[in-house]
Amino acid sequence: MNRFMVWMGLGSLLVLFSVSIASAEMPRYVTSSGVPESPVVWHETLEAGWQESRRRDVPMVIYITSENCKYCDAMKRDTWCERTVRQRLARGFVAIRLNPKRNSATLSRIDVQTYPTTLVGIPEGKIIGHRKGYQPPAALHGLLTEAKNRRLLRR
C-alpha cells in the first residue's frame, strides 16, 4: 500500500509539473511604450543566415558557442539579452548561432580557438570583424559599429 501511495504522489507531481511548464509563457520584451518588442531571430546554420543576409543586404553576426562554456553562458545572459544589443541586431544584422555539436561540418572550415567567438560577415561572404572570448554589451556595440563603418567604406 505504501509503494502505491508513493507512486500516486509522484505521478500527481509530474502532472502538475508538466501542466505548469505547458502554461508558462516565453518571456516577451516590451518597449517603454508598452508595445512588445520582437526578439532577435537566430539562424542555426550559416547557410540559412547567409541567405537572409544577402536577401536583406545586411551584415551577419556569427556567434560561435559551445556546450558547458561559462563564458558563452555569460554572454548569452548578459550581452545577447541586453535591450540595445537586441534592438541593433534585429534592425541591422542577421544573427547566426553556431555550435560544434550541430554545426561540425561548417565549423571544421573555421579556425575557432576560443569559445565564444563572434564574427561579423558581409553578404558578399567576407569576414570583416572578429572577437575572441566574452564580449560585454559595450564591446559588442563597438564591434558592430566598426563592422558597419568598414562595410560603408567598401561600397
Foldseek 3Di string as FASTA:
>chain_A
DVVVVVVVVVVVVVVVVVVVVVPDDDDWDADPVRHTDDFADEAAAPVVQLVVLLVVQAKEKEKEAEPPDVQQVCCVVAASPDPVNRVCCRPGYHYYYYYCVVHVVVCVVPDQDAPTKIWIGGSVGDTDFIDHTHDGNVRVVVRVVSVVVVVVVVD
